[in-house]
Amino acid sequence: MTNLNVKMAGNKKGRMYGNHMAVDPANANIVYYGSRKAGLHVSTNGGIDFTQVSTSKVPVGINKDGTEVGVNAIAFDPSGGTTSGKTKRIYASVWGDGLYYTSDAGANWSRVITYASGGASDLEVVGRHCLRGH
């Protein structure tokens, strides 16, 4: 684990896309951060230190025009329950690639939707196991 050292690029092209950070509703120590250039990161100590989720599990994500939008939306689904005090179901949108999902609190990830281009700029869990993306 290391302190997170990635640029947020808040004023760059594509800055309007998504909620790049999300806190586990079951455990405030679990924080996910989706960066524009360095993929998905997770903290298990409330955001003090972060570890990169392997890019073989969740890729970095670059738009077809080269815009670095990256992992631009993250959502927890509390209706899926918990394991070891952590929410099991988490979604991460990777711009220009697809929607990724874990049902085991981040141990394994699978792409469940492939984006032809672009992606969801926001993710929201509505109801039981129902996800809405904008």
C-alpha atoms as a PDB file:
ATOM      1  CA  MET A   1       0.000   0.000   0.000  1.00  0.00           C
ATOM      2  CA  THR A   2       1.115   3.508  -0.756  1.00  0.00           C
ATOM      3  CA  ASN A   3      -0.288   6.973  -0.591  1.00  0.00           C
ATOM      4  CA  LEU A   4      -2.247   7.693  -3.758  1.00  0.00           C
ATOM      5  CA  ASN A   5      -0.077   9.662  -6.146  1.00  0.00           C
ATOM      6  CA  VAL A   6      -2.110  10.122  -9.323  1.00  0.00           C
ATOM      7  CA  LYS A   7      -3.219  13.316 -11.014  1.00  0.00           C
ATOM      8  CA  MET A   8      -6.919  14.088 -10.954  1.00  0.00           C
ATOM      9  CA  ALA A   9      -6.686  16.459 -13.950  1.00  0.00           C
ATOM     10  CA  GLY A  10      -9.737  18.364 -12.753  1.00  0.00           C
ATOM     11  CA  ASN A  11      -9.579  20.979 -15.493  1.00  0.00           C
ATOM     12  CA  LYS A  12      -8.752  18.688 -18.419  1.00  0.00           C
ATOM     13  CA  LYS A  13     -11.026  17.540 -21.239  1.00  0.00           C
ATOM     14  CA  GLY A  14     -13.591  15.023 -19.962  1.00  0.00           C
ATOM     15  CA  ARG A  15     -13.617  16.486 -16.447  1.00  0.00           C
ATOM     16  CA  MET A  16     -17.421  16.331 -16.274  1.00  0.00           C
ATOM     17  CA  TYR A  17     -17.587  12.540 -16.329  1.00  0.00           C
ATOM     18  CA  GLY A  18     -18.558  10.637 -13.252  1.00  0.00           C
ATOM     19  CA  ASN A  19     -18.129  10.104  -9.574  1.00  0.00           C
ATOM     20  CA  HIS A  20     -14.516   9.036  -9.348  1.00  0.00           C
ATOM     21  CA  MET A  21     -14.621   8.202  -5.646  1.00  0.00           C
ATOM     22  CA  ALA A  22     -17.006   6.093  -3.574  1.00  0.00           C
ATOM     23  CA  VAL A  23     -17.092   4.998   0.059  1.00  0.00           C
ATOM     24  CA  ASP A  24     -18.471   1.589   1.018  1.00  0.00           C
ATOM     25  CA  PRO A  25     -21.813   2.188   2.798  1.00  0.00           C
ATOM     26  CA  ALA A  26     -21.125  -0.833   5.045  1.00  0.00           C
ATOM     27  CA  ASN A  27     -17.565   0.129   5.963  1.00  0.00           C
ATOM     28  CA  ALA A  28     -16.205   3.686   5.822  1.00  0.00           C
ATOM     29  CA  ASN A  29     -12.644   2.336   5.746  1.00  0.00           C
ATOM     30  CA  ILE A  30     -13.214   0.976   2.212  1.00  0.00           C
ATOM     31  CA  VAL A  31     -12.767   3.724  -0.378  1.00  0.00           C
ATOM     32  CA  TYR A  32     -12.508   3.248  -4.153  1.00  0.00           C
ATOM     33  CA  TYR A  33     -10.956   5.866  -6.406  1.00  0.00           C
ATOM     34  CA  GLY A  34     -11.127   5.745 -10.201  1.00  0.00           C
ATOM     35  CA  SER A  35      -8.247   7.638 -11.764  1.00  0.00           C
ATOM     36  CA  ARG A  36      -7.991   8.997 -15.276  1.00  0.00           C
ATOM     37  CA  LYS A  37      -4.648   7.389 -16.131  1.00  0.00           C
ATOM     38  CA  ALA A  38      -3.841   4.788 -13.473  1.00  0.00           C
ATOM     39  CA  GLY A  39      -6.978   2.644 -13.171  1.00  0.00           C
ATOM     40  CA  LEU A  40      -8.971   1.726 -10.077  1.00  0.00           C
ATOM     41  CA  HIS A  41      -7.529   2.028  -6.564  1.00  0.00           C
ATOM     42  CA  VAL A  42      -8.846   0.814  -3.213  1.00  0.00           C
ATOM     43  CA  SER A  43      -8.140   1.913   0.338  1.00  0.00           C
ATOM     44  CA  THR A  44      -8.856  -0.253   3.361  1.00  0.00           C
ATOM     45  CA  ASN A  45      -7.948   2.409   5.915  1.00  0.00           C
ATOM     46  CA  GLY A  46     -10.317   5.258   5.127  1.00  0.00           C
ATOM     47  CA  GLY A  47      -8.292   6.771   2.298  1.00  0.00           C
ATOM     48  CA  ILE A  48      -4.914   7.051   3.990  1.00  0.00           C
ATOM     49  CA  ASP A  49      -3.258   4.488   1.688  1.00  0.00           C
ATOM     50  CA  PHE A  50      -4.384   3.057  -1.647  1.00  0.00           C
ATOM     51  CA  THR A  51      -3.555  -0.066  -3.636  1.00  0.00           C
ATOM     52  CA  GLN A  52      -4.124  -0.269  -7.376  1.00  0.00           C
ATOM     53  CA  VAL A  53      -6.595  -2.930  -8.474  1.00  0.00           C
ATOM     54  CA  SER A  54      -4.759  -5.002 -11.076  1.00  0.00           C
ATOM     55  CA  THR A  55      -5.355  -3.654 -14.581  1.00  0.00           C
ATOM     56  CA  SER A  56      -5.935  -7.259 -15.650  1.00  0.00           C
ATOM     57  CA  LYS A  57      -9.079  -7.129 -13.471  1.00  0.00           C
ATOM     58  CA  VAL A  58     -10.199  -3.546 -14.199  1.00  0.00           C
ATOM     59  CA  PRO A  59      -8.351  -1.768 -17.052  1.00  0.00           C
ATOM     60  CA  VAL A  60      -7.303   1.881 -17.174  1.00  0.00           C
ATOM     61  CA  GLY A  61      -9.720   3.104 -19.878  1.00  0.00           C
ATOM     62  CA  ILE A  62      -8.994   5.650 -22.598  1.00  0.00           C
ATOM     63  CA  ASN A  63     -11.583   7.141 -24.923  1.00  0.00           C
ATOM     64  CA  LYS A  64     -11.204   6.499 -28.660  1.00  0.00           C
ATOM     65  CA  ASP A  65     -10.206  10.121 -29.222  1.00  0.00           C
ATOM     66  CA  GLY A  66      -7.385   9.734 -26.690  1.00  0.00           C
ATOM     67  CA  THR A  67      -9.164  11.598 -23.888  1.00  0.00           C
ATOM     68  CA  GLU A  68      -8.039  10.159 -20.583  1.00  0.00           C
ATOM     69  CA  VAL A  69     -11.337   9.619 -18.804  1.00  0.00           C
ATOM     70  CA  GLY A  70     -10.369   6.342 -17.115  1.00  0.00           C
ATOM     71  CA  VAL A  71     -12.426   4.727 -14.366  1.00  0.00           C
ATOM     72  CA  ASN A  72     -15.063   7.401 -14.196  1.00  0.00           C
ATOM     73  CA  ALA A  73     -17.934   6.024 -12.133  1.00  0.00           C
ATOM     74  CA  ILE A  74     -18.152   3.712  -9.116  1.00  0.00           C
ATOM     75  CA  ALA A  75     -21.234   2.455  -7.265  1.00  0.00           C
ATOM     76  CA  PHE A  76     -21.858   0.116  -4.345  1.00  0.00           C
ATOM     77  CA  ASP A  77     -24.979  -2.099  -4.280  1.00  0.00           C
ATOM     78  CA  PRO A  78     -25.845  -2.609  -0.600  1.00  0.00           C
ATOM     79  CA  SER A  79     -28.758  -4.925  -1.474  1.00  0.00           C
ATOM     80  CA  GLY A  80     -26.220  -7.667  -2.280  1.00  0.00           C
ATOM     81  CA  GLY A  81     -25.168  -8.006   1.346  1.00  0.00           C
ATOM     82  CA  THR A  82     -21.739  -7.974   2.947  1.00  0.00           C
ATOM     83  CA  THR A  83     -18.775 -10.236   3.445  1.00  0.00           C
ATOM     84  CA  SER A  84     -16.246  -9.588   6.211  1.00  0.00           C
ATOM     85  CA  GLY A  85     -17.972  -6.250   6.839  1.00  0.00           C
ATOM     86  CA  LYS A  86     -17.614  -5.036   3.212  1.00  0.00           C
ATOM     87  CA  THR A  87     -20.286  -4.554   0.550  1.00  0.00           C
ATOM     88  CA  LYS A  88     -20.153  -7.497  -1.871  1.00  0.00           C
ATOM     89  CA  ARG A  89     -21.479  -5.849  -5.035  1.00  0.00           C
ATOM     90  CA  ILE A  90     -19.522  -3.012  -6.589  1.00  0.00           C
ATOM     91  CA  TYR A  91     -19.664  -1.565 -10.123  1.00  0.00           C
ATOM     92  CA  ALA A  92     -16.949   0.413 -11.905  1.00  0.00           C
ATOM     93  CA  SER A  93     -17.406   2.080 -15.283  1.00  0.00           C
ATOM     94  CA  VAL A  94     -14.286   2.214 -17.459  1.00  0.00           C
ATOM     95  CA  TRP A  95     -14.721   4.818 -20.188  1.00  0.00           C
ATOM     96  CA  GLY A  96     -14.233   3.413 -23.686  1.00  0.00           C
ATOM     97  CA  ASP A  97     -14.127  -0.174 -22.378  1.00  0.00           C
ATOM     98  CA  GLY A  98     -17.045  -1.392 -20.281  1.00  0.00           C
ATOM     99  CA  LEU A  99     -18.847  -1.846 -16.998  1.00  0.00           C
ATOM    100  CA  TYR A 100     -17.069  -4.028 -14.442  1.00  0.00           C
ATOM    101  CA  TYR A 101     -18.693  -5.815 -11.516  1.00  0.00           C
ATOM    102  CA  THR A 102     -17.622  -7.704  -8.424  1.00  0.00           C
ATOM    103  CA  SER A 103     -19.845  -9.841  -6.216  1.00  0.00           C
ATOM    104  CA  ASP A 104     -17.134 -10.655  -3.672  1.00  0.00           C
ATOM    105  CA  ALA A 105     -16.181  -7.208  -2.329  1.00  0.00           C
ATOM    106  CA  GLY A 106     -13.475  -6.619  -4.943  1.00  0.00           C
ATOM    107  CA  ALA A 107     -11.558  -9.905  -4.914  1.00  0.00           C
ATOM    108  CA  ASN A 108     -12.594 -10.712  -8.514  1.00  0.00           C
ATOM    109  CA  TRP A 109     -13.949  -8.454 -11.266  1.00  0.00           C
ATOM    110  CA  SER A 110     -15.764  -9.238 -14.534  1.00  0.00           C
ATOM    111  CA  ARG A 111     -16.768  -7.058 -17.459  1.00  0.00           C
ATOM    112  CA  VAL A 112     -20.556  -7.304 -17.726  1.00  0.00           C
ATOM    113  CA  ILE A 113     -21.140  -4.700 -20.453  1.00  0.00           C
ATOM    114  CA  THR A 114     -18.845  -3.683 -23.318  1.00  0.00           C
ATOM    115  CA  TYR A 115     -19.019  -0.059 -24.459  1.00  0.00           C
ATOM    116  CA  ALA A 116     -18.682   0.512 -28.212  1.00  0.00           C
ATOM    117  CA  SER A 117     -17.473   3.987 -27.287  1.00  0.00           C
ATOM    118  CA  GLY A 118     -17.835   6.291 -24.312  1.00  0.00           C
ATOM    119  CA  GLY A 119     -19.569   4.862 -21.287  1.00  0.00           C
ATOM    120  CA  ALA A 120     -21.645   5.726 -18.250  1.00  0.00           C
ATOM    121  CA  SER A 121     -20.772   9.094 -16.785  1.00  0.00           C
ATOM    122  CA  ASP A 122     -22.615   8.288 -13.569  1.00  0.00           C
ATOM    123  CA  LEU A 123     -23.760   5.099 -11.858  1.00  0.00           C
ATOM    124  CA  GLU A 124     -26.569   4.799  -9.371  1.00  0.00           C
ATOM    125  CA  VAL A 125     -28.051   1.747  -7.662  1.00  0.00           C
ATOM    126  CA  VAL A 126     -31.840   2.029  -7.646  1.00  0.00           C
ATOM    127  CA  GLY A 127     -33.813  -0.640  -5.862  1.00  0.00           C
ATOM    128  CA  ARG A 128     -32.754  -4.201  -5.355  1.00  0.00           C
ATOM    129  CA  HIS A 129     -29.897  -5.234  -7.707  1.00  0.00           C
ATOM    130  CA  CYS A 130     -30.864  -2.575 -10.248  1.00  0.00           C
ATOM    131  CA  LEU A 131     -28.262  -0.219 -11.703  1.00  0.00           C
ATOM    132  CA  ARG A 132     -28.851   2.945 -13.685  1.00  0.00           C
ATOM    133  CA  GLY A 133     -26.107   4.626 -15.693  1.00  0.00           C
ATOM    134  CA  HIS A 134     -26.205   8.019 -17.362  1.00  0.00           C
END
